[in-house]
C-alpha atoms as a PDB file:
ATOM      1  CA  UNK A   1     -40.908  41.363  15.433  1.00  0.00           C
ATOM      2  CA  UNK A   2     -38.041  42.374  13.094  1.00  0.00           C
ATOM      3  CA  UNK A   3     -35.178  40.796  12.284  1.00  0.00           C
ATOM      4  CA  UNK A   4     -31.520  43.330  12.454  1.00  0.00           C
ATOM      5  CA  UNK A   5     -28.369  41.352  11.279  1.00  0.00           C
ATOM      6  CA  UNK A   6     -25.292  42.190  13.449  1.00  0.00           C
ATOM      7  CA  UNK A   7     -22.854  42.749  11.125  1.00  0.00           C
ATOM      8  CA  UNK A   8     -19.830  42.449  13.370  1.00  0.00           C
ATOM      9  CA  UNK A   9     -21.627  39.367  15.211  1.00  0.00           C
ATOM     10  CA  UNK A  10     -21.636  37.274  11.951  1.00  0.00           C
ATOM     11  CA  UNK A  11     -17.913  38.149  10.826  1.00  0.00           C
ATOM     12  CA  UNK A  12     -16.879  36.918  14.331  1.00  0.00           C
ATOM     13  CA  UNK A  13     -18.932  33.435  13.440  1.00  0.00           C
ATOM     14  CA  UNK A  14     -17.385  33.474   9.840  1.00  0.00           C
ATOM     15  CA  UNK A  15     -13.807  33.614  11.348  1.00  0.00           C
ATOM     16  CA  UNK A  16     -14.581  30.946  14.124  1.00  0.00           C
ATOM     17  CA  UNK A  17     -15.606  28.527  11.285  1.00  0.00           C
ATOM     18  CA  UNK A  18     -12.776  29.348   9.382  1.00  0.00           C
ATOM     19  CA  UNK A  19     -10.836  28.484  12.210  1.00  0.00           C
ATOM     20  CA  UNK A  20     -12.971  24.953  12.794  1.00  0.00           C
ATOM     21  CA  UNK A  21     -12.718  24.069   9.171  1.00  0.00           C
ATOM     22  CA  UNK A  22      -9.058  24.705   8.364  1.00  0.00           C
ATOM     23  CA  UNK A  23      -7.948  22.207  10.965  1.00  0.00           C
ATOM     24  CA  UNK A  24     -10.973  19.706   9.874  1.00  0.00           C
ATOM     25  CA  UNK A  25     -10.154  19.761   6.088  1.00  0.00           C
ATOM     26  CA  UNK A  26      -6.480  19.287   6.710  1.00  0.00           C
ATOM     27  CA  UNK A  27      -7.188  16.129   8.399  1.00  0.00           C
ATOM     28  CA  UNK A  28      -9.513  15.256   6.072  1.00  0.00           C
ATOM     29  CA  UNK A  29      -7.134  15.965   3.184  1.00  0.00           C
ATOM     30  CA  UNK A  30      -4.475  13.746   4.726  1.00  0.00           C
ATOM     31  CA  UNK A  31      -7.130  11.270   5.425  1.00  0.00           C
ATOM     32  CA  UNK A  32      -8.140  11.027   1.279  1.00  0.00           C
ATOM     33  CA  UNK A  33      -4.197  11.094   0.424  1.00  0.00           C
ATOM     34  CA  UNK A  34      -3.741   7.391   1.954  1.00  0.00           C
ATOM     35  CA  UNK A  35      -6.319   5.902   0.299  1.00  0.00           C
ATOM     36  CA  UNK A  36      -6.301   3.686  -2.591  1.00  0.00           C
ATOM     37  CA  UNK A  37      -8.388   3.202  -6.125  1.00  0.00           C
ATOM     38  CA  UNK A  38      -7.851  -0.037  -7.208  1.00  0.00           C
ATOM     39  CA  UNK A  39     -10.545   0.044  -9.486  1.00  0.00           C
ATOM     40  CA  UNK A  40      -9.129   2.147 -11.550  1.00  0.00           C
ATOM     41  CA  UNK A  41      -6.148   0.411 -12.611  1.00  0.00           C
ATOM     42  CA  UNK A  42      -4.174   2.299 -15.312  1.00  0.00           C
ATOM     43  CA  UNK A  43      -0.641   1.737 -13.744  1.00  0.00           C
ATOM     44  CA  UNK A  44      -1.363  -1.800 -14.416  1.00  0.00           C
ATOM     45  CA  UNK A  45      -1.298  -1.193 -18.217  1.00  0.00           C
ATOM     46  CA  UNK A  46       1.821   1.153 -18.909  1.00  0.00           C
ATOM     47  CA  UNK A  47       4.498   3.294 -16.561  1.00  0.00           C
ATOM     48  CA  UNK A  48       3.238   6.489 -15.546  1.00  0.00           C
ATOM     49  CA  UNK A  49       5.520   9.274 -15.759  1.00  0.00           C
ATOM     50  CA  UNK A  50       4.684  11.952 -12.685  1.00  0.00           C
ATOM     51  CA  UNK A  51       7.755  14.051 -13.503  1.00  0.00           C
ATOM     52  CA  UNK A  52       7.157  17.646 -13.745  1.00  0.00           C
ATOM     53  CA  UNK A  53       4.432  19.497 -11.755  1.00  0.00           C
ATOM     54  CA  UNK A  54       1.008  20.635 -11.672  1.00  0.00           C
ATOM     55  CA  UNK A  55       2.243  24.014 -13.923  1.00  0.00           C
ATOM     56  CA  UNK A  56       4.064  22.072 -16.788  1.00  0.00           C
ATOM     57  CA  UNK A  57       2.303  23.224 -20.060  1.00  0.00           C
ATOM     58  CA  UNK A  58       3.665  19.581 -22.123  1.00  0.00           C
ATOM     59  CA  UNK A  59       6.936  17.544 -22.583  1.00  0.00           C
ATOM     60  CA  UNK A  60       9.374  17.038 -25.496  1.00  0.00           C
ATOM     61  CA  UNK A  61      10.874  13.682 -26.855  1.00  0.00           C
ATOM     62  CA  UNK A  62      12.566  12.493 -29.095  1.00  0.00           C
ATOM     63  CA  UNK A  63      12.138   9.640 -31.360  1.00  0.00           C
ATOM     64  CA  UNK A  64      15.022   8.132 -33.812  1.00  0.00           C
ATOM     65  CA  UNK A  65      16.514   5.612 -35.681  1.00  0.00           C
ATOM     66  CA  UNK A  66      19.813   4.362 -37.000  1.00  0.00           C
ATOM     67  CA  UNK A  67      21.412   4.332 -40.774  1.00  0.00           C
ATOM     68  CA  UNK A  68      24.572   2.478 -41.993  1.00  0.00           C
ATOM     69  CA  UNK A  69      25.988  -0.697 -42.855  1.00  0.00           C
ATOM     70  CA  UNK A  70      29.806  -1.762 -41.986  1.00  0.00           C
ATOM     71  CA  UNK A  71      31.902  -3.025 -45.061  1.00  0.00           C
ATOM     72  CA  UNK A  72      35.089  -4.861 -45.991  1.00  0.00           C
ATOM     73  CA  UNK A  73      37.661  -2.152 -46.521  1.00  0.00           C
ATOM     74  CA  UNK A  74      40.974  -1.877 -47.670  1.00  0.00           C
ATOM     75  CA  UNK A  75      43.880  -0.844 -45.469  1.00  0.00           C
ATOM     76  CA  UNK A  76      44.762   2.135 -47.945  1.00  0.00           C
ATOM     77  CA  UNK A  77      41.605   2.720 -49.173  1.00  0.00           C
ATOM     78  CA  UNK A  78      39.075   6.155 -48.773  1.00  0.00           C
ATOM     79  CA  UNK A  79      35.735   4.625 -48.585  1.00  0.00           C
ATOM     80  CA  UNK A  80      35.411   4.273 -45.160  1.00  0.00           C
ATOM     81  CA  UNK A  81      31.287   3.747 -44.599  1.00  0.00           C
ATOM     82  CA  UNK A  82      29.618   5.903 -42.030  1.00  0.00           C
ATOM     83  CA  UNK A  83      27.209   5.088 -39.382  1.00  0.00           C
ATOM     84  CA  UNK A  84      24.307   8.192 -38.980  1.00  0.00           C
ATOM     85  CA  UNK A  85      21.164   8.659 -36.789  1.00  0.00           C
ATOM     86  CA  UNK A  86      17.452  10.437 -37.798  1.00  0.00           C
ATOM     87  CA  UNK A  87      15.207  12.428 -34.934  1.00  0.00           C
ATOM     88  CA  UNK A  88      12.192  13.664 -34.799  1.00  0.00           C
ATOM     89  CA  UNK A  89      10.973  15.790 -32.199  1.00  0.00           C
ATOM     90  CA  UNK A  90       7.541  15.403 -30.433  1.00  0.00           C
ATOM     91  CA  UNK A  91       5.517  17.657 -28.044  1.00  0.00           C
ATOM     92  CA  UNK A  92       3.007  15.923 -25.218  1.00  0.00           C
ATOM     93  CA  UNK A  93       0.859  18.548 -24.277  1.00  0.00           C
ATOM     94  CA  UNK A  94      -0.496  18.529 -20.910  1.00  0.00           C
ATOM     95  CA  UNK A  95      -4.228  19.716 -19.773  1.00  0.00           C
ATOM     96  CA  UNK A  96      -5.059  21.174 -16.380  1.00  0.00           C
ATOM     97  CA  UNK A  97      -8.976  20.022 -15.197  1.00  0.00           C
ATOM     98  CA  UNK A  98      -9.993  19.754 -11.804  1.00  0.00           C
ATOM     99  CA  UNK A  99     -12.400  18.772  -8.817  1.00  0.00           C
ATOM    100  CA  UNK A 100     -13.030  19.819  -5.531  1.00  0.00           C
ATOM    101  CA  UNK A 101     -15.618  19.469  -2.608  1.00  0.00           C
ATOM    102  CA  UNK A 102     -17.290  22.458  -0.518  1.00  0.00           C
ATOM    103  CA  UNK A 103     -19.164  22.915   2.784  1.00  0.00           C
ATOM    104  CA  UNK A 104     -21.572  25.488   3.469  1.00  0.00           C
ATOM    105  CA  UNK A 105     -22.002  27.853   6.461  1.00  0.00           C
ATOM    106  CA  UNK A 106     -24.858  26.151   7.958  1.00  0.00           C
ATOM    107  CA  UNK A 107     -23.046  22.911   7.892  1.00  0.00           C
ATOM    108  CA  UNK A 108     -19.903  24.218   9.623  1.00  0.00           C
ATOM    109  CA  UNK A 109     -21.950  26.195  12.090  1.00  0.00           C
ATOM    110  CA  UNK A 110     -23.857  22.596  12.716  1.00  0.00           C
ATOM    111  CA  UNK A 111     -21.030  20.053  13.058  1.00  0.00           C
ATOM    112  CA  UNK A 112     -18.974  22.950  15.347  1.00  0.00           C
ATOM    113  CA  UNK A 113     -21.425  23.793  17.621  1.00  0.00           C
ATOM    114  CA  UNK A 114     -22.383  19.583  17.763  1.00  0.00           C
ATOM    115  CA  UNK A 115     -18.626  19.010  18.217  1.00  0.00           C
ATOM    116  CA  UNK A 116     -18.692  17.075  15.360  1.00  0.00           C
ATOM    117  CA  UNK A 117     -15.784  16.377  13.148  1.00  0.00           C
ATOM    118  CA  UNK A 118     -16.523  16.804   9.759  1.00  0.00           C
ATOM    119  CA  UNK A 119     -16.746  14.217   7.466  1.00  0.00           C
ATOM    120  CA  UNK A 120     -14.176  12.566   4.632  1.00  0.00           C
ATOM    121  CA  UNK A 121     -17.273  11.863   2.389  1.00  0.00           C
ATOM    122  CA  UNK A 122     -17.293  15.127   0.491  1.00  0.00           C
ATOM    123  CA  UNK A 123     -13.708  14.553  -0.402  1.00  0.00           C
ATOM    124  CA  UNK A 124     -13.501  11.097  -0.916  1.00  0.00           C
ATOM    125  CA  UNK A 125     -16.309  11.707  -3.368  1.00  0.00           C
ATOM    126  CA  UNK A 126     -13.755  13.950  -5.235  1.00  0.00           C
ATOM    127  CA  UNK A 127     -11.053  11.765  -5.635  1.00  0.00           C
ATOM    128  CA  UNK A 128     -12.797   9.264  -6.618  1.00  0.00           C
ATOM    129  CA  UNK A 129     -14.392  11.590  -9.568  1.00  0.00           C
ATOM    130  CA  UNK A 130     -10.729  12.796 -10.324  1.00  0.00           C
ATOM    131  CA  UNK A 131      -9.297   9.139 -10.525  1.00  0.00           C
ATOM    132  CA  UNK A 132     -12.269   7.930 -12.681  1.00  0.00           C
ATOM    133  CA  UNK A 133     -11.385  10.816 -14.688  1.00  0.00           C
ATOM    134  CA  UNK A 134      -7.639  10.236 -15.454  1.00  0.00           C
ATOM    135  CA  UNK A 135      -8.574   6.500 -15.499  1.00  0.00           C
ATOM    136  CA  UNK A 136     -10.755   7.268 -18.784  1.00  0.00           C
ATOM    137  CA  UNK A 137      -8.270   9.969 -20.226  1.00  0.00           C
ATOM    138  CA  UNK A 138      -5.456   7.172 -19.870  1.00  0.00           C
ATOM    139  CA  UNK A 139      -7.884   4.338 -21.339  1.00  0.00           C
ATOM    140  CA  UNK A 140      -9.817   5.942 -23.714  1.00  0.00           C
ATOM    141  CA  UNK A 141      -8.264   9.449 -24.137  1.00  0.00           C
ATOM    142  CA  UNK A 142     -10.373  12.881 -24.747  1.00  0.00           C
ATOM    143  CA  UNK A 143     -12.832  13.632 -27.987  1.00  0.00           C
ATOM    144  CA  UNK A 144     -12.378  17.176 -26.437  1.00  0.00           C
ATOM    145  CA  UNK A 145      -8.914  17.564 -26.878  1.00  0.00           C
ATOM    146  CA  UNK A 146      -8.385  15.173 -29.779  1.00  0.00           C
ATOM    147  CA  UNK A 147      -6.359  12.211 -28.939  1.00  0.00           C
ATOM    148  CA  UNK A 148      -6.311   8.626 -28.377  1.00  0.00           C
ATOM    149  CA  UNK A 149      -5.413   6.511 -25.301  1.00  0.00           C
ATOM    150  CA  UNK A 150      -4.089   3.303 -24.714  1.00  0.00           C
ATOM    151  CA  UNK A 151      -7.058   1.441 -26.620  1.00  0.00           C
ATOM    152  CA  UNK A 152      -7.672   3.353 -29.269  1.00  0.00           C
ATOM    153  CA  UNK A 153      -4.792   5.345 -30.765  1.00  0.00           C
ATOM    154  CA  UNK A 154      -5.043   5.654 -34.355  1.00  0.00           C
ATOM    155  CA  UNK A 155      -1.140   4.950 -34.707  1.00  0.00           C
ATOM    156  CA  UNK A 156      -1.021   1.532 -33.264  1.00  0.00           C
ATOM    157  CA  UNK A 157      -1.682  -1.220 -36.202  1.00  0.00           C
ATOM    158  CA  UNK A 158      -4.680  -2.538 -35.940  1.00  0.00           C
ATOM    159  CA  UNK A 159      -6.825  -5.632 -37.839  1.00  0.00           C
ATOM    160  CA  UNK A 160      -9.077  -8.529 -37.184  1.00  0.00           C
ATOM    161  CA  UNK A 161      -8.738 -11.600 -36.154  1.00  0.00           C
ATOM    162  CA  UNK A 162      -8.581 -14.009 -39.232  1.00  0.00           C
ATOM    163  CA  UNK A 163     -12.342 -15.357 -40.043  1.00  0.00           C
ATOM    164  CA  UNK A 164     -11.432 -18.746 -40.661  1.00  0.00           C
ATOM    165  CA  UNK A 165     -14.205 -20.222 -37.737  1.00  0.00           C
ATOM    166  CA  UNK A 166     -17.279 -22.581 -38.340  1.00  0.00           C
ATOM    167  CA  UNK A 167     -19.418 -20.609 -41.500  1.00  0.00           C
ATOM    168  CA  UNK A 168     -16.336 -18.405 -42.020  1.00  0.00           C
ATOM    169  CA  UNK A 169     -16.852 -16.622 -38.458  1.00  0.00           C
ATOM    170  CA  UNK A 170     -14.182 -15.189 -36.577  1.00  0.00           C
ATOM    171  CA  UNK A 171     -15.656 -15.137 -33.136  1.00  0.00           C
ATOM    172  CA  UNK A 172     -13.537 -17.905 -30.695  1.00  0.00           C
ATOM    173  CA  UNK A 173     -17.156 -19.418 -30.163  1.00  0.00           C
ATOM    174  CA  UNK A 174     -17.235 -20.736 -33.350  1.00  0.00           C
ATOM    175  CA  UNK A 175     -13.180 -21.535 -33.463  1.00  0.00           C
ATOM    176  CA  UNK A 176     -11.490 -24.636 -32.130  1.00  0.00           C
ATOM    177  CA  UNK A 177      -8.765 -24.235 -29.728  1.00  0.00           C
ATOM    178  CA  UNK A 178      -5.793 -24.920 -31.625  1.00  0.00           C
ATOM    179  CA  UNK A 179      -7.271 -21.783 -33.832  1.00  0.00           C
ATOM    180  CA  UNK A 180      -7.666 -19.425 -30.596  1.00  0.00           C
ATOM    181  CA  UNK A 181      -4.317 -20.267 -29.512  1.00  0.00           C
ATOM    182  CA  UNK A 182      -3.199 -19.135 -33.406  1.00  0.00           C
ATOM    183  CA  UNK A 183      -4.881 -15.920 -33.377  1.00  0.00           C
ATOM    184  CA  UNK A 184      -3.631 -14.955 -29.871  1.00  0.00           C
ATOM    185  CA  UNK A 185       0.309 -15.875 -30.734  1.00  0.00           C
ATOM    186  CA  UNK A 186      -0.594 -14.044 -33.846  1.00  0.00           C
ATOM    187  CA  UNK A 187      -1.445 -10.945 -32.320  1.00  0.00           C
ATOM    188  CA  UNK A 188       2.101 -11.486 -29.449  1.00  0.00           C
ATOM    189  CA  UNK A 189       4.595 -12.048 -32.765  1.00  0.00           C
ATOM    190  CA  UNK A 190       2.958  -9.056 -34.931  1.00  0.00           C
ATOM    191  CA  UNK A 191       5.379  -6.380 -32.474  1.00  0.00           C
ATOM    192  CA  UNK A 192       8.567  -8.235 -32.795  1.00  0.00           C
ATOM    193  CA  UNK A 193       8.003  -9.016 -36.690  1.00  0.00           C
ATOM    194  CA  UNK A 194       7.290  -5.230 -37.269  1.00  0.00           C
ATOM    195  CA  UNK A 195      10.136  -3.883 -35.413  1.00  0.00           C
ATOM    196  CA  UNK A 196      12.784  -6.354 -36.952  1.00  0.00           C
ATOM    197  CA  UNK A 197      12.872  -7.847 -33.439  1.00  0.00           C
ATOM    198  CA  UNK A 198      13.851  -4.680 -31.480  1.00  0.00           C
ATOM    199  CA  UNK A 199      10.548  -5.058 -29.544  1.00  0.00           C
ATOM    200  CA  UNK A 200       8.621  -8.214 -28.292  1.00  0.00           C
ATOM    201  CA  UNK A 201       5.390  -8.214 -26.913  1.00  0.00           C
ATOM    202  CA  UNK A 202       5.295  -8.869 -23.304  1.00  0.00           C
ATOM    203  CA  UNK A 203       1.902  -8.199 -22.338  1.00  0.00           C
ATOM    204  CA  UNK A 204      -1.808  -8.808 -23.626  1.00  0.00           C
ATOM    205  CA  UNK A 205      -4.661  -7.482 -22.577  1.00  0.00           C
ATOM    206  CA  UNK A 206      -8.057  -9.243 -23.477  1.00  0.00           C
ATOM    207  CA  UNK A 207     -11.698  -8.273 -22.421  1.00  0.00           C
ATOM    208  CA  UNK A 208     -12.909  -9.596 -19.214  1.00  0.00           C
ATOM    209  CA  UNK A 209     -15.328 -12.036 -21.088  1.00  0.00           C
ATOM    210  CA  UNK A 210     -12.836 -13.125 -23.297  1.00  0.00           C
ATOM    211  CA  UNK A 211     -10.419 -14.020 -20.035  1.00  0.00           C
ATOM    212  CA  UNK A 212     -13.550 -15.804 -18.757  1.00  0.00           C
ATOM    213  CA  UNK A 213     -14.014 -17.671 -21.625  1.00  0.00           C
ATOM    214  CA  UNK A 214     -10.474 -19.222 -22.420  1.00  0.00           C
ATOM    215  CA  UNK A 215     -10.236 -19.857 -18.181  1.00  0.00           C
ATOM    216  CA  UNK A 216     -13.361 -21.860 -18.938  1.00  0.00           C
ATOM    217  CA  UNK A 217     -12.917 -24.093 -21.858  1.00  0.00           C
ATOM    218  CA  UNK A 218     -10.313 -27.052 -22.187  1.00  0.00           C
ATOM    219  CA  UNK A 219      -7.927 -27.122 -24.321  1.00  0.00           C
ATOM    220  CA  UNK A 220      -9.321 -29.880 -26.240  1.00  0.00           C
ATOM    221  CA  UNK A 221     -12.214 -32.423 -25.484  1.00  0.00           C
ATOM    222  CA  UNK A 222      -9.914 -34.779 -23.451  1.00  0.00           C
ATOM    223  CA  UNK A 223      -7.810 -31.801 -21.661  1.00  0.00           C
ATOM    224  CA  UNK A 224      -7.611 -31.326 -18.138  1.00  0.00           C
ATOM    225  CA  UNK A 225      -5.993 -28.034 -18.831  1.00  0.00           C
ATOM    226  CA  UNK A 226      -8.060 -25.199 -19.782  1.00  0.00           C
ATOM    227  CA  UNK A 227      -7.324 -22.871 -23.412  1.00  0.00           C
ATOM    228  CA  UNK A 228      -5.843 -19.901 -20.950  1.00  0.00           C
ATOM    229  CA  UNK A 229      -3.540 -22.119 -18.575  1.00  0.00           C
ATOM    230  CA  UNK A 230      -2.397 -23.893 -21.670  1.00  0.00           C
ATOM    231  CA  UNK A 231      -1.483 -20.759 -23.680  1.00  0.00           C
ATOM    232  CA  UNK A 232      -0.283 -18.785 -20.479  1.00  0.00           C
ATOM    233  CA  UNK A 233       2.965 -22.147 -20.444  1.00  0.00           C
ATOM    234  CA  UNK A 234       3.165 -22.369 -24.370  1.00  0.00           C
ATOM    235  CA  UNK A 235       2.914 -18.556 -25.629  1.00  0.00           C
ATOM    236  CA  UNK A 236       5.649 -17.628 -28.024  1.00  0.00           C
ATOM    237  CA  UNK A 237       6.918 -15.001 -25.924  1.00  0.00           C
ATOM    238  CA  UNK A 238       7.465 -17.763 -23.233  1.00  0.00           C
ATOM    239  CA  UNK A 239       8.456 -20.135 -25.031  1.00  0.00           C
ATOM    240  CA  UNK A 240      10.502 -17.931 -26.597  1.00  0.00           C
ATOM    241  CA  UNK A 241      12.532 -15.968 -23.353  1.00  0.00           C
ATOM    242  CA  UNK A 242      11.549 -18.327 -20.327  1.00  0.00           C
ATOM    243  CA  UNK A 243       9.668 -15.560 -18.921  1.00  0.00           C
ATOM    244  CA  UNK A 244       5.764 -15.785 -17.858  1.00  0.00           C
ATOM    245  CA  UNK A 245       4.060 -13.662 -20.653  1.00  0.00           C
ATOM    246  CA  UNK A 246       1.790 -10.702 -18.685  1.00  0.00           C
ATOM    247  CA  UNK A 247      -2.127 -11.289 -19.291  1.00  0.00           C
ATOM    248  CA  UNK A 248      -4.452  -8.753 -17.661  1.00  0.00           C
ATOM    249  CA  UNK A 249      -8.128  -8.284 -18.390  1.00  0.00           C
ATOM    250  CA  UNK A 250     -10.091  -4.905 -19.099  1.00  0.00           C
ATOM    251  CA  UNK A 251     -13.742  -4.074 -19.195  1.00  0.00           C
ATOM    252  CA  UNK A 252     -13.191  -1.315 -21.782  1.00  0.00           C
ATOM    253  CA  UNK A 253     -12.026  -3.354 -24.513  1.00  0.00           C
ATOM    254  CA  UNK A 254     -15.530  -5.347 -24.694  1.00  0.00           C
ATOM    255  CA  UNK A 255     -16.664  -2.634 -27.095  1.00  0.00           C
ATOM    256  CA  UNK A 256     -13.133  -1.290 -28.315  1.00  0.00           C
ATOM    257  CA  UNK A 257     -12.845  -2.927 -31.609  1.00  0.00           C
ATOM    258  CA  UNK A 258     -13.804  -2.283 -35.584  1.00  0.00           C
ATOM    259  CA  UNK A 259     -17.881  -1.615 -35.341  1.00  0.00           C
ATOM    260  CA  UNK A 260     -18.073  -2.329 -31.455  1.00  0.00           C
ATOM    261  CA  UNK A 261     -16.296  -5.493 -31.479  1.00  0.00           C
ATOM    262  CA  UNK A 262     -13.930  -6.960 -28.823  1.00  0.00           C
ATOM    263  CA  UNK A 263     -10.569  -5.696 -29.240  1.00  0.00           C
ATOM    264  CA  UNK A 264      -7.018  -7.422 -27.312  1.00  0.00           C
ATOM    265  CA  UNK A 265      -4.304  -5.459 -27.050  1.00  0.00           C
ATOM    266  CA  UNK A 266      -0.766  -7.209 -27.586  1.00  0.00           C
ATOM    267  CA  UNK A 267       2.835  -5.015 -27.054  1.00  0.00           C
ATOM    268  CA  UNK A 268       6.022  -4.387 -24.977  1.00  0.00           C
ATOM    269  CA  UNK A 269       5.310  -2.436 -21.766  1.00  0.00           C
ATOM    270  CA  UNK A 270       8.376  -0.785 -21.598  1.00  0.00           C
ATOM    271  CA  UNK A 271       8.142   3.462 -20.900  1.00  0.00           C
ATOM    272  CA  UNK A 272       9.837   3.943 -24.022  1.00  0.00           C
ATOM    273  CA  UNK A 273       7.295   1.940 -25.940  1.00  0.00           C
ATOM    274  CA  UNK A 274       3.517   3.219 -23.783  1.00  0.00           C
ATOM    275  CA  UNK A 275       3.443   5.461 -21.072  1.00  0.00           C
ATOM    276  CA  UNK A 276       1.091   8.317 -19.339  1.00  0.00           C
ATOM    277  CA  UNK A 277       1.748  11.407 -18.314  1.00  0.00           C
ATOM    278  CA  UNK A 278       0.249  12.694 -15.023  1.00  0.00           C
ATOM    279  CA  UNK A 279       2.585  15.636 -13.645  1.00  0.00           C
ATOM    280  CA  UNK A 280       2.609  16.223 -10.317  1.00  0.00           C
ATOM    281  CA  UNK A 281       1.194  12.531  -9.435  1.00  0.00           C
ATOM    282  CA  UNK A 282      -1.923  13.319 -10.300  1.00  0.00           C
ATOM    283  CA  UNK A 283      -5.165  14.803  -7.894  1.00  0.00           C
ATOM    284  CA  UNK A 284      -4.084  17.492  -5.425  1.00  0.00           C
ATOM    285  CA  UNK A 285      -6.306  19.603  -2.999  1.00  0.00           C
ATOM    286  CA  UNK A 286      -5.596  22.897  -2.954  1.00  0.00           C
ATOM    287  CA  UNK A 287      -5.815  25.222   0.283  1.00  0.00           C
ATOM    288  CA  UNK A 288      -9.348  25.990   1.251  1.00  0.00           C
ATOM    289  CA  UNK A 289     -10.995  29.844   0.530  1.00  0.00           C
ATOM    290  CA  UNK A 290     -13.781  30.982   1.054  1.00  0.00           C
ATOM    291  CA  UNK A 291     -15.859  31.228  -2.256  1.00  0.00           C
ATOM    292  CA  UNK A 292     -19.338  33.184  -1.460  1.00  0.00           C
ATOM    293  CA  UNK A 293     -20.434  34.915   1.824  1.00  0.00           C
ATOM    294  CA  UNK A 294     -21.512  31.470   3.092  1.00  0.00           C
ATOM    295  CA  UNK A 295     -19.552  28.606   1.368  1.00  0.00           C
ATOM    296  CA  UNK A 296     -16.302  27.214   1.322  1.00  0.00           C
ATOM    297  CA  UNK A 297     -14.487  25.334  -1.235  1.00  0.00           C
ATOM    298  CA  UNK A 298     -11.244  22.898  -1.438  1.00  0.00           C
ATOM    299  CA  UNK A 299     -10.113  23.130  -4.760  1.00  0.00           C
ATOM    300  CA  UNK A 300      -8.393  19.936  -6.464  1.00  0.00           C
ATOM    301  CA  UNK A 301      -6.053  19.955  -9.478  1.00  0.00           C
ATOM    302  CA  UNK A 302      -4.706  17.547 -11.652  1.00  0.00           C
ATOM    303  CA  UNK A 303      -2.220  17.809 -14.888  1.00  0.00           C
ATOM    304  CA  UNK A 304      -2.962  15.383 -17.325  1.00  0.00           C
ATOM    305  CA  UNK A 305      -0.497  14.750 -20.504  1.00  0.00           C
ATOM    306  CA  UNK A 306      -2.265  11.840 -21.448  1.00  0.00           C
ATOM    307  CA  UNK A 307      -0.989   8.263 -22.997  1.00  0.00           C
ATOM    308  CA  UNK A 308       1.927   8.246 -25.514  1.00  0.00           C
ATOM    309  CA  UNK A 309       2.634   5.816 -27.179  1.00  0.00           C
ATOM    310  CA  UNK A 310       6.141   6.123 -28.012  1.00  0.00           C
ATOM    311  CA  UNK A 311       6.457   3.098 -30.712  1.00  0.00           C
ATOM    312  CA  UNK A 312       3.684   2.103 -32.303  1.00  0.00           C
ATOM    313  CA  UNK A 313       4.699  -0.501 -34.028  1.00  0.00           C
ATOM    314  CA  UNK A 314       5.467  -2.486 -30.441  1.00  0.00           C
ATOM    315  CA  UNK A 315       1.699  -2.709 -29.828  1.00  0.00           C
ATOM    316  CA  UNK A 316      -0.881  -4.253 -32.027  1.00  0.00           C
ATOM    317  CA  UNK A 317      -4.888  -4.320 -31.478  1.00  0.00           C
ATOM    318  CA  UNK A 318      -6.727  -7.244 -32.887  1.00  0.00           C
ATOM    319  CA  UNK A 319     -10.497  -7.310 -33.265  1.00  0.00           C
ATOM    320  CA  UNK A 320     -13.466  -9.369 -34.308  1.00  0.00           C
ATOM    321  CA  UNK A 321     -13.300 -12.437 -32.039  1.00  0.00           C
END
């Protein structure tokens, strides 16, 4: 039996499938846009700047300082001191990335024939991959594009904690509660000192294992408070400002330090210090189009600018504990 290809019938089927597909994908994309992905919590650590569009090539910002000194004058003098400013221009480049999903001619035909809705699984997978990608750029940066992220920016001051535990060890497991609290407060105080009291660290991010250790280790052998509970009430930021210190955990810090050791981050969590650029608000699906004779594709794009640390001295990394 010979098979005869009927081009008119095939074209008609394709048109019917497209008519079936478009409202289906509109429904799917609407549902996916409403989903949240709390495990990719880069917004917990910094301000996310969504200004701009997916077409923007980057953004320009200026960083500056002031100079000058007021002095006593003579009412008839000509020696007025003047203030001045210094400004440096920086470019934050954006990078286009994408992940979409597709449906085949056979999948669409079967769904239409059975009167079934297409599932959201493929769109959900694309969005989750996109969020994972954005999270990685925000937190770890990109070796391909040659820029760092929140936990590994080369401009942020970095040091190891003091190695004065048992056997000159830097590890918290070999230190007393007082030594651990000193390590934490030393990190909190560093931005304040480095910026001449302009910025005060209000956020501390610890490896998850360090959070677990602090929350399960007593302040002293006779104390009924854990190190974490004590530190929340008695840290240097809270003592100075009367405000609660924001303490967060991150799995990314377990091996982020020098020599793949643990790292903590203490910083002033302000838009003028650190922000993540995500022009247009992140991943978005574009209209469906027919990619081939039997495949329809929904592209998904995102414009990612990366983590911008405008005031590196208002952050510190501490490693090796």
